[in-house]
PDB file of N, CA and C in Angstrom:
ATOM      1  N   MET A   1     144.361 284.238  58.287  1.00  0.00           N
ATOM      2  CA  MET A   1     144.927 285.020  59.364  1.00  0.00           C
ATOM      3  C   MET A   1     146.408 284.706  59.483  1.00  0.00           C
ATOM      4  N   LEU A   2     147.209 285.739  59.621  1.00  0.00           N
ATOM      5  CA  LEU A   2     148.651 285.584  59.779  1.00  0.00           C
ATOM      6  C   LEU A   2     149.089 286.312  61.036  1.00  0.00           C
ATOM      7  N   ASP A   3     149.795 285.600  61.888  1.00  0.00           N
ATOM      8  CA  ASP A   3     150.437 286.220  63.040  1.00  0.00           C
ATOM      9  C   ASP A   3     151.928 286.179  62.796  1.00  0.00           C
ATOM     10  N   VAL A   4     152.600 287.230  63.242  1.00  0.00           N
ATOM     11  CA  VAL A   4     154.038 287.343  63.044  1.00  0.00           C
ATOM     12  C   VAL A   4     154.691 287.647  64.386  1.00  0.00           C
ATOM     13  N   ASN A   5     155.728 286.897  64.676  1.00  0.00           N
ATOM     14  CA  ASN A   5     156.539 287.124  65.860  1.00  0.00           C
ATOM     15  C   ASN A   5     157.950 287.355  65.356  1.00  0.00           C
ATOM     16  N   PHE A   6     158.627 288.344  65.895  1.00  0.00           N
ATOM     17  CA  PHE A   6     160.002 288.550  65.454  1.00  0.00           C
ATOM     18  C   PHE A   6     160.914 288.830  66.624  1.00  0.00           C
ATOM     19  N   GLU A   7     162.195 288.535  66.400  1.00  0.00           N
ATOM     20  CA  GLU A   7     163.200 288.657  67.440  1.00  0.00           C
ATOM     21  C   GLU A   7     164.544 288.910  66.770  1.00  0.00           C
ATOM     22  N   PHE A   8     165.321 289.805  67.346  1.00  0.00           N
ATOM     23  CA  PHE A   8     166.682 290.049  66.863  1.00  0.00           C
ATOM     24  C   PHE A   8     167.627 289.391  67.859  1.00  0.00           C
ATOM     25  N   ARG A   9     168.346 288.362  67.371  1.00  0.00           N
ATOM     26  CA  ARG A   9     169.195 287.586  68.261  1.00  0.00           C
ATOM     27  C   ARG A   9     170.506 287.249  67.570  1.00  0.00           C
ATOM     28  N   HIS A  10     171.613 287.584  68.211  1.00  0.00           N
ATOM     29  CA  HIS A  10     172.953 287.266  67.695  1.00  0.00           C
ATOM     30  C   HIS A  10     173.143 287.742  66.257  1.00  0.00           C
ATOM     31  N   GLY A  11     172.649 288.917  65.949  1.00  0.00           N
ATOM     32  CA  GLY A  11     172.831 289.488  64.625  1.00  0.00           C
ATOM     33  C   GLY A  11     171.854 289.018  63.570  1.00  0.00           C
ATOM     34  N   VAL A  12     170.880 288.191  63.958  1.00  0.00           N
ATOM     35  CA  VAL A  12     169.903 287.660  63.005  1.00  0.00           C
ATOM     36  C   VAL A  12     168.511 288.148  63.398  1.00  0.00           C
ATOM     37  N   PHE A  13     167.767 288.621  62.400  1.00  0.00           N
ATOM     38  CA  PHE A  13     166.383 289.034  62.604  1.00  0.00           C
ATOM     39  C   PHE A  13     165.501 287.841  62.238  1.00  0.00           C
ATOM     40  N   PHE A  14     164.990 287.171  63.257  1.00  0.00           N
ATOM     41  CA  PHE A  14     164.137 286.001  63.053  1.00  0.00           C
ATOM     42  C   PHE A  14     162.686 286.445  62.940  1.00  0.00           C
ATOM     43  N   VAL A  15     162.030 286.006  61.874  1.00  0.00           N
ATOM     44  CA  VAL A  15     160.622 286.301  61.638  1.00  0.00           C
ATOM     45  C   VAL A  15     159.887 284.971  61.626  1.00  0.00           C
ATOM     46  N   ARG A  16     159.033 284.775  62.617  1.00  0.00           N
ATOM     47  CA  ARG A  16     158.280 283.524  62.728  1.00  0.00           C
ATOM     48  C   ARG A  16     156.850 283.756  62.278  1.00  0.00           C
ATOM     49  N   LEU A  17     156.425 282.960  61.298  1.00  0.00           N
ATOM     50  CA  LEU A  17     155.096 283.121  60.712  1.00  0.00           C
ATOM     51  C   LEU A  17     154.155 282.039  61.231  1.00  0.00           C
ATOM     52  N   TYR A  18     152.943 282.468  61.591  1.00  0.00           N
ATOM     53  CA  TYR A  18     151.914 281.572  62.134  1.00  0.00           C
ATOM     54  C   TYR A  18     150.632 281.762  61.328  1.00  0.00           C
ATOM     55  N   GLY A  19     150.040 280.670  60.868  1.00  0.00           N
ATOM     56  CA  GLY A  19     148.756 280.761  60.176  1.00  0.00           C
ATOM     57  C   GLY A  19     148.893 280.645  58.675  1.00  0.00           C
ATOM     58  N   HIS A  20     148.235 281.585  57.951  1.00  0.00           N
ATOM     59  CA  HIS A  20     148.172 281.548  56.492  1.00  0.00           C
ATOM     60  C   HIS A  20     148.829 282.795  55.913  1.00  0.00           C
ATOM     61  N   LEU A  21     149.721 282.606  54.945  1.00  0.00           N
ATOM     62  CA  LEU A  21     150.320 283.723  54.217  1.00  0.00           C
ATOM     63  C   LEU A  21     149.664 283.780  52.845  1.00  0.00           C
ATOM     64  N   THR A  22     148.778 284.754  52.674  1.00  0.00           N
ATOM     65  CA  THR A  22     148.009 284.909  51.439  1.00  0.00           C
ATOM     66  C   THR A  22     147.936 286.388  51.079  1.00  0.00           C
ATOM     67  N   SER A  23     147.241 286.694  50.012  1.00  0.00           N
ATOM     68  CA  SER A  23     147.114 288.082  49.558  1.00  0.00           C
ATOM     69  C   SER A  23     146.417 288.969  50.580  1.00  0.00           C
ATOM     70  N   SER A  24     145.588 288.395  51.407  1.00  0.00           N
ATOM     71  CA  SER A  24     144.808 289.206  52.335  1.00  0.00           C
ATOM     72  C   SER A  24     145.612 289.715  53.533  1.00  0.00           C
ATOM     73  N   ASN A  25     146.824 289.224  53.726  1.00  0.00           N
ATOM     74  CA  ASN A  25     147.579 289.661  54.898  1.00  0.00           C
ATOM     75  C   ASN A  25     149.025 290.049  54.608  1.00  0.00           C
ATOM     76  N   LYS A  26     149.305 290.443  53.395  1.00  0.00           N
ATOM     77  CA  LYS A  26     150.666 290.813  53.012  1.00  0.00           C
ATOM     78  C   LYS A  26     151.175 292.042  53.746  1.00  0.00           C
ATOM     79  N   ASN A  27     150.278 292.877  54.252  1.00  0.00           N
ATOM     80  CA  ASN A  27     150.697 294.102  54.944  1.00  0.00           C
ATOM     81  C   ASN A  27     151.551 293.823  56.164  1.00  0.00           C
ATOM     82  N   LYS A  28     151.341 292.689  56.797  1.00  0.00           N
ATOM     83  CA  LYS A  28     152.147 292.351  57.976  1.00  0.00           C
ATOM     84  C   LYS A  28     153.620 292.191  57.600  1.00  0.00           C
ATOM     85  N   LEU A  29     153.889 291.605  56.433  1.00  0.00           N
ATOM     86  CA  LEU A  29     155.284 291.467  56.011  1.00  0.00           C
ATOM     87  C   LEU A  29     155.850 292.786  55.510  1.00  0.00           C
ATOM     88  N   ASP A  30     154.996 293.666  55.003  1.00  0.00           N
ATOM     89  CA  ASP A  30     155.469 294.997  54.608  1.00  0.00           C
ATOM     90  C   ASP A  30     155.996 295.750  55.821  1.00  0.00           C
ATOM     91  N   GLU A  31     155.335 295.605  56.960  1.00  0.00           N
ATOM     92  CA  GLU A  31     155.807 296.244  58.195  1.00  0.00           C
ATOM     93  C   GLU A  31     157.171 295.694  58.601  1.00  0.00           C
ATOM     94  N   ILE A  32     157.350 294.380  58.480  1.00  0.00           N
ATOM     95  CA  ILE A  32     158.629 293.748  58.810  1.00  0.00           C
ATOM     96  C   ILE A  32     159.715 294.238  57.854  1.00  0.00           C
ATOM     97  N   LYS A  33     159.383 294.326  56.576  1.00  0.00           N
ATOM     98  CA  LYS A  33     160.346 294.790  55.574  1.00  0.00           C
ATOM     99  C   LYS A  33     160.806 296.206  55.902  1.00  0.00           C
ATOM    100  N   ASP A  34     159.888 297.062  56.338  1.00  0.00           N
ATOM    101  CA  ASP A  34     160.249 298.430  56.708  1.00  0.00           C
ATOM    102  C   ASP A  34     161.224 298.446  57.883  1.00  0.00           C
ATOM    103  N   ILE A  35     161.026 297.568  58.855  1.00  0.00           N
ATOM    104  CA  ILE A  35     161.942 297.464  59.998  1.00  0.00           C
ATOM    105  C   ILE A  35     163.332 297.057  59.524  1.00  0.00           C
ATOM    106  N   VAL A  36     163.382 296.064  58.642  1.00  0.00           N
ATOM    107  CA  VAL A  36     164.654 295.558  58.132  1.00  0.00           C
ATOM    108  C   VAL A  36     165.410 296.656  57.391  1.00  0.00           C
ATOM    109  N   ILE A  37     164.731 297.355  56.496  1.00  0.00           N
ATOM    110  CA  ILE A  37     165.383 298.393  55.699  1.00  0.00           C
ATOM    111  C   ILE A  37     165.794 299.574  56.572  1.00  0.00           C
ATOM    112  N   LYS A  38     164.905 300.008  57.433  1.00  0.00           N
ATOM    113  CA  LYS A  38     165.174 301.168  58.297  1.00  0.00           C
ATOM    114  C   LYS A  38     166.376 300.934  59.209  1.00  0.00           C
ATOM    115  N   ASN A  39     166.540 299.706  59.685  1.00  0.00           N
ATOM    116  CA  ASN A  39     167.604 299.398  60.636  1.00  0.00           C
ATOM    117  C   ASN A  39     168.837 298.752  60.010  1.00  0.00           C
ATOM    118  N   GLY A  40     168.825 298.591  58.693  1.00  0.00           N
ATOM    119  CA  GLY A  40     169.991 298.032  58.002  1.00  0.00           C
ATOM    120  C   GLY A  40     170.336 296.620  58.435  1.00  0.00           C
ATOM    121  N   ILE A  41     169.330 295.818  58.702  1.00  0.00           N
ATOM    122  CA  ILE A  41     169.552 294.451  59.167  1.00  0.00           C
ATOM    123  C   ILE A  41     170.096 293.604  58.015  1.00  0.00           C
ATOM    124  N   LYS A  42     171.160 292.878  58.289  1.00  0.00           N
ATOM    125  CA  LYS A  42     171.851 292.123  57.235  1.00  0.00           C
ATOM    126  C   LYS A  42     171.430 290.665  57.130  1.00  0.00           C
ATOM    127  N   PHE A  43     170.969 290.076  58.221  1.00  0.00           N
ATOM    128  CA  PHE A  43     170.599 288.662  58.204  1.00  0.00           C
ATOM    129  C   PHE A  43     169.150 288.523  58.640  1.00  0.00           C
ATOM    130  N   ILE A  44     168.318 287.982  57.748  1.00  0.00           N
ATOM    131  CA  ILE A  44     166.891 287.808  58.008  1.00  0.00           C
ATOM    132  C   ILE A  44     166.551 286.335  57.811  1.00  0.00           C
ATOM    133  N   ALA A  45     165.838 285.773  58.794  1.00  0.00           N
ATOM    134  CA  ALA A  45     165.456 284.364  58.728  1.00  0.00           C
ATOM    135  C   ALA A  45     163.957 284.231  58.935  1.00  0.00           C
ATOM    136  N   PHE A  46     163.291 283.585  57.994  1.00  0.00           N
ATOM    137  CA  PHE A  46     161.874 283.277  58.131  1.00  0.00           C
ATOM    138  C   PHE A  46     161.741 281.846  58.642  1.00  0.00           C
ATOM    139  N   ASN A  47     161.116 281.715  59.797  1.00  0.00           N
ATOM    140  CA  ASN A  47     160.839 280.407  60.374  1.00  0.00           C
ATOM    141  C   ASN A  47     159.416 280.026  59.970  1.00  0.00           C
ATOM    142  N   LEU A  48     159.279 278.941  59.217  1.00  0.00           N
ATOM    143  CA  LEU A  48     157.993 278.539  58.652  1.00  0.00           C
ATOM    144  C   LEU A  48     157.372 277.343  59.375  1.00  0.00           C
ATOM    145  N   GLU A  49     157.870 277.042  60.549  1.00  0.00           N
ATOM    146  CA  GLU A  49     157.398 275.877  61.288  1.00  0.00           C
ATOM    147  C   GLU A  49     155.901 275.911  61.567  1.00  0.00           C
ATOM    148  N   ASN A  50     155.357 277.083  61.857  1.00  0.00           N
ATOM    149  CA  ASN A  50     153.945 277.197  62.220  1.00  0.00           C
ATOM    150  C   ASN A  50     153.100 277.855  61.139  1.00  0.00           C
ATOM    151  N   LEU A  51     153.629 277.884  59.932  1.00  0.00           N
ATOM    152  CA  LEU A  51     152.857 278.400  58.805  1.00  0.00           C
ATOM    153  C   LEU A  51     151.999 277.261  58.268  1.00  0.00           C
ATOM    154  N   ASP A  52     150.689 277.403  58.382  1.00  0.00           N
ATOM    155  CA  ASP A  52     149.779 276.324  57.996  1.00  0.00           C
ATOM    156  C   ASP A  52     149.485 276.292  56.503  1.00  0.00           C
ATOM    157  N   TYR A  53     149.570 277.454  55.856  1.00  0.00           N
ATOM    158  CA  TYR A  53     149.190 277.524  54.445  1.00  0.00           C
ATOM    159  C   TYR A  53     149.910 278.693  53.795  1.00  0.00           C
ATOM    160  N   ILE A  54     150.353 278.474  52.572  1.00  0.00           N
ATOM    161  CA  ILE A  54     150.923 279.547  51.759  1.00  0.00           C
ATOM    162  C   ILE A  54     150.441 279.315  50.332  1.00  0.00           C
ATOM    163  N   ASP A  55     149.957 280.382  49.690  1.00  0.00           N
ATOM    164  CA  ASP A  55     149.525 280.263  48.299  1.00  0.00           C
ATOM    165  C   ASP A  55     150.556 280.938  47.400  1.00  0.00           C
ATOM    166  N   GLU A  56     150.279 280.979  46.119  1.00  0.00           N
ATOM    167  CA  GLU A  56     151.223 281.593  45.172  1.00  0.00           C
ATOM    168  C   GLU A  56     151.501 283.044  45.518  1.00  0.00           C
ATOM    169  N   PHE A  57     150.487 283.743  45.974  1.00  0.00           N
ATOM    170  CA  PHE A  57     150.688 285.132  46.346  1.00  0.00           C
ATOM    171  C   PHE A  57     151.620 285.231  47.560  1.00  0.00           C
ATOM    172  N   GLY A  58     151.490 284.312  48.497  1.00  0.00           N
ATOM    173  CA  GLY A  58     152.386 284.292  49.656  1.00  0.00           C
ATOM    174  C   GLY A  58     153.832 284.067  49.242  1.00  0.00           C
ATOM    175  N   ILE A  59     154.035 283.172  48.274  1.00  0.00           N
ATOM    176  CA  ILE A  59     155.381 282.956  47.719  1.00  0.00           C
ATOM    177  C   ILE A  59     155.886 284.247  47.086  1.00  0.00           C
ATOM    178  N   ASP A  60     155.027 284.913  46.321  1.00  0.00           N
ATOM    179  CA  ASP A  60     155.414 286.181  45.687  1.00  0.00           C
ATOM    180  C   ASP A  60     155.765 287.243  46.717  1.00  0.00           C
ATOM    181  N   VAL A  61     155.050 287.276  47.837  1.00  0.00           N
ATOM    182  CA  VAL A  61     155.343 288.235  48.900  1.00  0.00           C
ATOM    183  C   VAL A  61     156.756 288.001  49.443  1.00  0.00           C
ATOM    184  N   LEU A  62     157.109 286.739  49.684  1.00  0.00           N
ATOM    185  CA  LEU A  62     158.455 286.437  50.162  1.00  0.00           C
ATOM    186  C   LEU A  62     159.513 286.781  49.112  1.00  0.00           C
ATOM    187  N   ASN A  63     159.217 286.544  47.841  1.00  0.00           N
ATOM    188  CA  ASN A  63     160.156 286.899  46.775  1.00  0.00           C
ATOM    189  C   ASN A  63     160.341 288.413  46.678  1.00  0.00           C
ATOM    190  N   ARG A  64     159.245 289.162  46.790  1.00  0.00           N
ATOM    191  CA  ARG A  64     159.353 290.626  46.769  1.00  0.00           C
ATOM    192  C   ARG A  64     160.118 291.130  47.985  1.00  0.00           C
ATOM    193  N   PHE A  65     159.902 290.509  49.123  1.00  0.00           N
ATOM    194  CA  PHE A  65     160.643 290.865  50.331  1.00  0.00           C
ATOM    195  C   PHE A  65     162.138 290.734  50.059  1.00  0.00           C
ATOM    196  N   TYR A  66     162.512 289.635  49.454  1.00  0.00           N
ATOM    197  CA  TYR A  66     163.914 289.408  49.098  1.00  0.00           C
ATOM    198  C   TYR A  66     164.417 290.505  48.157  1.00  0.00           C
ATOM    199  N   ASN A  67     163.675 290.759  47.089  1.00  0.00           N
ATOM    200  CA  ASN A  67     164.109 291.735  46.087  1.00  0.00           C
ATOM    201  C   ASN A  67     164.258 293.135  46.666  1.00  0.00           C
ATOM    202  N   GLU A  68     163.396 293.504  47.585  1.00  0.00           N
ATOM    203  CA  GLU A  68     163.441 294.846  48.145  1.00  0.00           C
ATOM    204  C   GLU A  68     164.487 294.999  49.246  1.00  0.00           C
ATOM    205  N   THR A  69     164.953 293.909  49.817  1.00  0.00           N
ATOM    206  CA  THR A  69     165.976 294.011  50.861  1.00  0.00           C
ATOM    207  C   THR A  69     167.376 293.646  50.368  1.00  0.00           C
ATOM    208  N   LYS A  70     167.476 293.003  49.221  1.00  0.00           N
ATOM    209  CA  LYS A  70     168.809 292.606  48.742  1.00  0.00           C
ATOM    210  C   LYS A  70     169.660 293.826  48.378  1.00  0.00           C
ATOM    211  N   MET A  71     169.019 294.940  48.081  1.00  0.00           N
ATOM    212  CA  MET A  71     169.774 296.160  47.780  1.00  0.00           C
ATOM    213  C   MET A  71     170.586 296.622  48.988  1.00  0.00           C
ATOM    214  N   LYS A  72     170.205 296.169  50.163  1.00  0.00           N
ATOM    215  CA  LYS A  72     170.919 296.501  51.404  1.00  0.00           C
ATOM    216  C   LYS A  72     171.930 295.407  51.759  1.00  0.00           C
ATOM    217  N   ASN A  73     172.193 294.510  50.806  1.00  0.00           N
ATOM    218  CA  ASN A  73     173.131 293.396  50.994  1.00  0.00           C
ATOM    219  C   ASN A  73     172.712 292.453  52.109  1.00  0.00           C
ATOM    220  N   SER A  74     171.424 292.281  52.281  1.00  0.00           N
ATOM    221  CA  SER A  74     170.917 291.355  53.293  1.00  0.00           C
ATOM    222  C   SER A  74     171.045 289.920  52.808  1.00  0.00           C
ATOM    223  N   LYS A  75     171.267 289.027  53.742  1.00  0.00           N
ATOM    224  CA  LYS A  75     171.278 287.583  53.465  1.00  0.00           C
ATOM    225  C   LYS A  75     169.982 287.019  54.024  1.00  0.00           C
ATOM    226  N   MET A  76     169.314 286.202  53.221  1.00  0.00           N
ATOM    227  CA  MET A  76     167.991 285.702  53.574  1.00  0.00           C
ATOM    228  C   MET A  76     168.033 284.193  53.790  1.00  0.00           C
ATOM    229  N   PHE A  77     167.309 283.752  54.809  1.00  0.00           N
ATOM    230  CA  PHE A  77     167.220 282.336  55.147  1.00  0.00           C
ATOM    231  C   PHE A  77     165.762 281.954  55.360  1.00  0.00           C
ATOM    232  N   ILE A  78     165.460 280.676  55.114  1.00  0.00           N
ATOM    233  CA  ILE A  78     164.198 280.097  55.568  1.00  0.00           C
ATOM    234  C   ILE A  78     164.552 278.824  56.332  1.00  0.00           C
ATOM    235  N   CYS A  79     163.758 278.531  57.341  1.00  0.00           N
ATOM    236  CA  CYS A  79     164.032 277.341  58.129  1.00  0.00           C
ATOM    237  C   CYS A  79     162.739 276.732  58.645  1.00  0.00           C
ATOM    238  N   ASN A  80     162.875 275.534  59.188  1.00  0.00           N
ATOM    239  CA  ASN A  80     161.758 274.811  59.792  1.00  0.00           C
ATOM    240  C   ASN A  80     160.558 274.715  58.845  1.00  0.00           C
ATOM    241  N   ILE A  81     160.808 274.334  57.620  1.00  0.00           N
ATOM    242  CA  ILE A  81     159.710 274.199  56.660  1.00  0.00           C
ATOM    243  C   ILE A  81     158.907 272.955  57.041  1.00  0.00           C
ATOM    244  N   ASN A  82     157.668 273.167  57.416  1.00  0.00           N
ATOM    245  CA  ASN A  82     156.853 272.049  57.894  1.00  0.00           C
ATOM    246  C   ASN A  82     156.242 271.259  56.726  1.00  0.00           C
ATOM    247  N   LYS A  83     155.690 270.110  57.047  1.00  0.00           N
ATOM    248  CA  LYS A  83     155.141 269.214  56.030  1.00  0.00           C
ATOM    249  C   LYS A  83     153.949 269.805  55.290  1.00  0.00           C
ATOM    250  N   ARG A  84     153.188 270.674  55.951  1.00  0.00           N
ATOM    251  CA  ARG A  84     151.982 271.239  55.334  1.00  0.00           C
ATOM    252  C   ARG A  84     152.310 272.129  54.137  1.00  0.00           C
ATOM    253  N   ILE A  85     153.470 272.771  54.155  1.00  0.00           N
ATOM    254  CA  ILE A  85     153.807 273.705  53.068  1.00  0.00           C
ATOM    255  C   ILE A  85     155.049 273.297  52.288  1.00  0.00           C
ATOM    256  N   LYS A  86     155.672 272.210  52.665  1.00  0.00           N
ATOM    257  CA  LYS A  86     156.939 271.790  52.050  1.00  0.00           C
ATOM    258  C   LYS A  86     156.829 271.642  50.536  1.00  0.00           C
ATOM    259  N   TYR A  87     155.781 270.994  50.063  1.00  0.00           N
ATOM    260  CA  TYR A  87     155.609 270.790  48.622  1.00  0.00           C
ATOM    261  C   TYR A  87     155.555 272.127  47.887  1.00  0.00           C
ATOM    262  N   LYS A  88     154.770 273.055  48.399  1.00  0.00           N
ATOM    263  CA  LYS A  88     154.615 274.366  47.760  1.00  0.00           C
ATOM    264  C   LYS A  88     155.945 275.131  47.742  1.00  0.00           C
ATOM    265  N   ILE A  89     156.669 275.094  48.848  1.00  0.00           N
ATOM    266  CA  ILE A  89     157.964 275.786  48.932  1.00  0.00           C
ATOM    267  C   ILE A  89     158.976 275.152  47.981  1.00  0.00           C
ATOM    268  N   ASN A  90     159.067 273.837  48.002  1.00  0.00           N
ATOM    269  CA  ASN A  90     160.054 273.145  47.161  1.00  0.00           C
ATOM    270  C   ASN A  90     159.774 273.298  45.675  1.00  0.00           C
ATOM    271  N   ASN A  91     158.521 273.525  45.296  1.00  0.00           N
ATOM    272  CA  ASN A  91     158.176 273.674  43.884  1.00  0.00           C
ATOM    273  C   ASN A  91     158.070 275.133  43.454  1.00  0.00           C
ATOM    274  N   SER A  92     158.541 276.010  44.278  1.00  0.00           N
ATOM    275  CA  SER A  92     158.574 277.437  43.923  1.00  0.00           C
ATOM    276  C   SER A  92     160.027 277.825  43.671  1.00  0.00           C
ATOM    277  N   ASN A  93     160.222 279.043  43.263  1.00  0.00           N
ATOM    278  CA  ASN A  93     161.593 279.512  43.034  1.00  0.00           C
ATOM    279  C   ASN A  93     162.184 280.165  44.278  1.00  0.00           C
ATOM    280  N   ILE A  94     161.482 280.085  45.390  1.00  0.00           N
ATOM    281  CA  ILE A  94     161.922 280.780  46.601  1.00  0.00           C
ATOM    282  C   ILE A  94     163.267 280.262  47.116  1.00  0.00           C
ATOM    283  N   THR A  95     163.521 278.975  46.933  1.00  0.00           N
ATOM    284  CA  THR A  95     164.780 278.438  47.447  1.00  0.00           C
ATOM    285  C   THR A  95     165.990 278.890  46.619  1.00  0.00           C
ATOM    286  N   SER A  96     165.758 279.496  45.482  1.00  0.00           N
ATOM    287  CA  SER A  96     166.886 280.062  44.740  1.00  0.00           C
ATOM    288  C   SER A  96     167.285 281.429  45.305  1.00  0.00           C
ATOM    289  N   TYR A  97     166.412 282.037  46.085  1.00  0.00           N
ATOM    290  CA  TYR A  97     166.696 283.326  46.711  1.00  0.00           C
ATOM    291  C   TYR A  97     167.097 283.185  48.175  1.00  0.00           C
ATOM    292  N   TYR A  98     166.410 282.317  48.870  1.00  0.00           N
ATOM    293  CA  TYR A  98     166.629 282.139  50.296  1.00  0.00           C
ATOM    294  C   TYR A  98     167.488 280.904  50.536  1.00  0.00           C
ATOM    295  N   ARG A  99     168.412 281.036  51.451  1.00  0.00           N
ATOM    296  CA  ARG A  99     169.198 279.876  51.844  1.00  0.00           C
ATOM    297  C   ARG A  99     168.345 279.035  52.797  1.00  0.00           C
ATOM    298  N   LYS A 100     168.212 277.771  52.508  1.00  0.00           N
ATOM    299  CA  LYS A 100     167.349 276.882  53.292  1.00  0.00           C
ATOM    300  C   LYS A 100     168.185 276.185  54.363  1.00  0.00           C
ATOM    301  N   GLU A 101     167.732 276.295  55.611  1.00  0.00           N
ATOM    302  CA  GLU A 101     168.398 275.651  56.736  1.00  0.00           C
ATOM    303  C   GLU A 101     167.380 274.846  57.535  1.00  0.00           C
ATOM    304  N   ASP A 102     167.869 273.933  58.348  1.00  0.00           N
ATOM    305  CA  ASP A 102     166.977 273.085  59.134  1.00  0.00           C
ATOM    306  C   ASP A 102     166.255 273.848  60.238  1.00  0.00           C
ATOM    307  N   ASN A 103     166.995 274.716  60.937  1.00  0.00           N
ATOM    308  CA  ASN A 103     166.413 275.408  62.089  1.00  0.00           C
ATOM    309  C   ASN A 103     167.175 276.702  62.385  1.00  0.00           C
ATOM    310  N   GLU A 104     166.717 277.429  63.382  1.00  0.00           N
ATOM    311  CA  GLU A 104     167.319 278.716  63.726  1.00  0.00           C
ATOM    312  C   GLU A 104     168.755 278.561  64.214  1.00  0.00           C
ATOM    313  N   LEU A 105     169.034 277.503  64.937  1.00  0.00           N
ATOM    314  CA  LEU A 105     170.380 277.271  65.436  1.00  0.00           C
ATOM    315  C   LEU A 105     171.375 277.080  64.294  1.00  0.00           C
ATOM    316  N   SER A 106     170.983 276.344  63.268  1.00  0.00           N
ATOM    317  CA  SER A 106     171.886 276.134  62.131  1.00  0.00           C
ATOM    318  C   SER A 106     172.115 277.442  61.367  1.00  0.00           C
ATOM    319  N   ILE A 107     171.135 278.324  61.360  1.00  0.00           N
ATOM    320  CA  ILE A 107     171.327 279.632  60.724  1.00  0.00           C
ATOM    321  C   ILE A 107     172.388 280.426  61.484  1.00  0.00           C
ATOM    322  N   MET A 108     172.261 280.455  62.803  1.00  0.00           N
ATOM    323  CA  MET A 108     173.256 281.189  63.598  1.00  0.00           C
ATOM    324  C   MET A 108     174.643 280.595  63.426  1.00  0.00           C
ATOM    325  N   HIS A 109     174.743 279.279  63.329  1.00  0.00           N
ATOM    326  CA  HIS A 109     176.025 278.618  63.107  1.00  0.00           C
ATOM    327  C   HIS A 109     176.610 279.030  61.759  1.00  0.00           C
ATOM    328  N   ASN A 110     175.788 279.041  60.703  1.00  0.00           N
ATOM    329  CA  ASN A 110     176.279 279.411  59.378  1.00  0.00           C
ATOM    330  C   ASN A 110     176.668 280.880  59.307  1.00  0.00           C
ATOM    331  N   ILE A 111     175.974 281.731  60.013  1.00  0.00           N
ATOM    332  CA  ILE A 111     176.334 283.147  60.035  1.00  0.00           C
ATOM    333  C   ILE A 111     177.655 283.323  60.763  1.00  0.00           C
ATOM    334  N   ASP A 112     177.882 282.531  61.789  1.00  0.00           N
ATOM    335  CA  ASP A 112     179.161 282.539  62.493  1.00  0.00           C
ATOM    336  C   ASP A 112     180.280 282.214  61.518  1.00  0.00           C
ATOM    337  N   ILE A 113     180.055 281.248  60.647  1.00  0.00           N
ATOM    338  CA  ILE A 113     181.050 280.868  59.641  1.00  0.00           C
ATOM    339  C   ILE A 113     181.259 282.013  58.652  1.00  0.00           C
ATOM    340  N   ILE A 114     180.167 282.662  58.230  1.00  0.00           N
ATOM    341  CA  ILE A 114     180.270 283.789  57.292  1.00  0.00           C
ATOM    342  C   ILE A 114     181.110 284.901  57.898  1.00  0.00           C
ATOM    343  N   TYR A 115     180.879 285.225  59.162  1.00  0.00           N
ATOM    344  CA  TYR A 115     181.632 286.282  59.836  1.00  0.00           C
ATOM    345  C   TYR A 115     183.108 285.948  59.968  1.00  0.00           C
ATOM    346  N   ASN A 116     183.427 284.667  60.133  1.00  0.00           N
ATOM    347  CA  ASN A 116     184.804 284.263  60.405  1.00  0.00           C
ATOM    348  C   ASN A 116     185.582 283.886  59.157  1.00  0.00           C
ATOM    349  N   GLU A 117     184.990 284.024  57.986  1.00  0.00           N
ATOM    350  CA  GLU A 117     185.709 283.682  56.743  1.00  0.00           C
ATOM    351  C   GLU A 117     186.672 284.783  56.370  1.00  0.00           C
TER     352      GLU A 117
END
């Protein structure tokens, strides 16, 4: 089961994932991807603090999300990677696509720097 909470704050679309990200619930992220593309959102952050489990298919879903939104020049972040999934995330190629930050506040700080460069 995957629950998704999202919020648009200070120019960043925060997507908070709860539960398990597997092949059986990828449709929830497809809905989020449609929102991002439809609204031209440039900064997307996945908060993984409450994600209890992610399998290879879940990693692939996040990679496809990146590939389908990068055409809109979106910048992607992941944050709050918890201990339950840290090994899986660190041993995947996802960190080559997503910028890894400690938390949502650090993402907003880095986006502030991007805007002011």
